[in-house]
Amino acid sequence: MRRATNPTRKISITIPNSLFQQLNHHLSYDQSRSGYISSAIAEKMQKDDTVGLDQWTKLDLVEELVYRVVKDSPEDVLLQSLLQILSK
């Protein structure tokens, strides 16, 4: 028998009945409440770990965008120009 690389763990949580009913209505018959809740927790934790844009400088933002656009595209040319202005 194979062991799971990321085994699950049973926990008990308490949520308001109205939220439980909403969750049951939201999910289809073949969807897992555990899977849905696990995904929601992971998404929330990832958002909490993400740095807000208000913590980035203009230069940081432009540098990040430079890495996300196609080289020599119109966007790249614009970003390179902005990079030169902000680097002064």
Protein backbone atom coordinates (compact mmCIF):
# COMPACT_ATOMS: atom_id res chain seq x y z
CA MET A 1 0.00 0.00 0.00
CA ARG A 2 1.28 3.46 -0.90
CA ARG A 3 1.42 6.29 1.56
CA ALA A 4 0.09 9.71 0.60
CA THR A 5 2.74 12.38 0.07
CA ASN A 6 0.53 14.86 1.90
CA PRO A 7 -1.76 12.86 4.20
CA THR A 8 -4.98 14.38 5.43
CA ARG A 9 -5.87 15.03 9.04
CA LYS A 10 -9.32 14.98 10.55
CA ILE A 11 -10.31 18.11 12.45
CA SER A 12 -13.49 19.41 13.98
CA ILE A 13 -14.70 22.95 13.40
CA THR A 14 -17.78 24.87 14.42
CA ILE A 15 -19.54 27.18 11.98
CA PRO A 16 -22.94 28.88 12.09
CA ASN A 17 -25.78 26.69 10.82
CA SER A 18 -26.68 29.27 8.16
CA LEU A 19 -23.14 29.13 6.75
CA PHE A 20 -23.26 25.34 6.75
CA GLN A 21 -26.54 25.42 4.84
CA GLN A 22 -25.12 27.91 2.32
CA LEU A 23 -22.10 25.67 1.80
CA ASN A 24 -24.30 22.62 1.22
CA HIS A 25 -26.42 24.52 -1.31
CA HIS A 26 -23.30 25.88 -3.04
CA LEU A 27 -21.67 22.49 -3.58
CA SER A 28 -22.93 19.91 -6.03
CA TYR A 29 -23.68 16.38 -4.82
CA ASP A 30 -20.30 15.03 -5.89
CA GLN A 31 -18.18 17.88 -4.44
CA SER A 32 -16.34 17.45 -1.16
CA ARG A 33 -16.93 19.88 1.71
CA SER A 34 -13.47 19.03 3.03
CA GLY A 35 -11.88 19.74 -0.33
CA TYR A 36 -13.76 23.02 -0.70
CA ILE A 37 -12.85 24.19 2.81
CA SER A 38 -9.20 23.13 2.36
CA SER A 39 -8.99 25.13 -0.87
CA ALA A 40 -10.61 28.15 0.78
CA ILE A 41 -8.13 28.04 3.67
CA ALA A 42 -5.15 27.72 1.31
CA GLU A 43 -6.40 30.63 -0.83
CA LYS A 44 -6.95 32.84 2.24
CA MET A 45 -3.49 32.04 3.59
CA GLN A 46 -1.89 32.80 0.22
CA LYS A 47 -3.68 36.17 0.06
CA ASP A 48 -2.54 36.96 3.60
CA ASP A 49 1.07 36.25 2.60
CA THR A 50 0.88 38.45 -0.50
CA VAL A 51 2.42 41.89 -0.12
CA GLY A 52 -0.02 44.68 -0.88
CA LEU A 53 0.64 47.00 -3.80
CA ASP A 54 0.82 49.91 -1.39
CA GLN A 55 4.08 48.43 -0.09
CA TRP A 56 5.73 48.48 -3.55
CA THR A 57 7.63 51.47 -4.92
CA LYS A 58 6.91 52.65 -8.44
CA LEU A 59 10.30 51.32 -9.48
CA ASP A 60 9.52 47.89 -7.95
CA LEU A 61 6.22 47.74 -9.85
CA VAL A 62 7.78 48.65 -13.19
CA GLU A 63 10.62 46.17 -12.68
CA GLU A 64 8.11 43.41 -11.92
CA LEU A 65 6.10 44.25 -15.02
CA VAL A 66 9.23 44.18 -17.18
CA TYR A 67 9.65 40.49 -16.34
CA ARG A 68 6.03 39.75 -17.25
CA VAL A 69 5.84 41.22 -20.77
CA VAL A 70 7.17 39.94 -24.06
CA LYS A 71 10.60 41.35 -24.87
CA ASP A 72 10.58 44.09 -27.54
CA SER A 73 6.79 44.36 -27.45
CA PRO A 74 5.18 47.83 -27.29
CA GLU A 75 4.58 47.25 -23.58
CA ASP A 76 8.25 46.38 -23.06
CA VAL A 77 9.38 49.56 -24.81
CA LEU A 78 7.06 51.62 -22.61
CA LEU A 79 8.20 49.87 -19.44
CA GLN A 80 11.87 50.27 -20.34
CA SER A 81 11.26 54.01 -20.79
CA LEU A 82 9.51 54.20 -17.41
CA LEU A 83 12.34 52.23 -15.84
CA GLN A 84 14.89 54.75 -17.10
CA ILE A 85 12.86 57.67 -15.77
CA LEU A 86 12.32 56.09 -12.35
CA SER A 87 15.93 54.97 -12.01
CA LYS A 88 17.25 58.54 -12.20
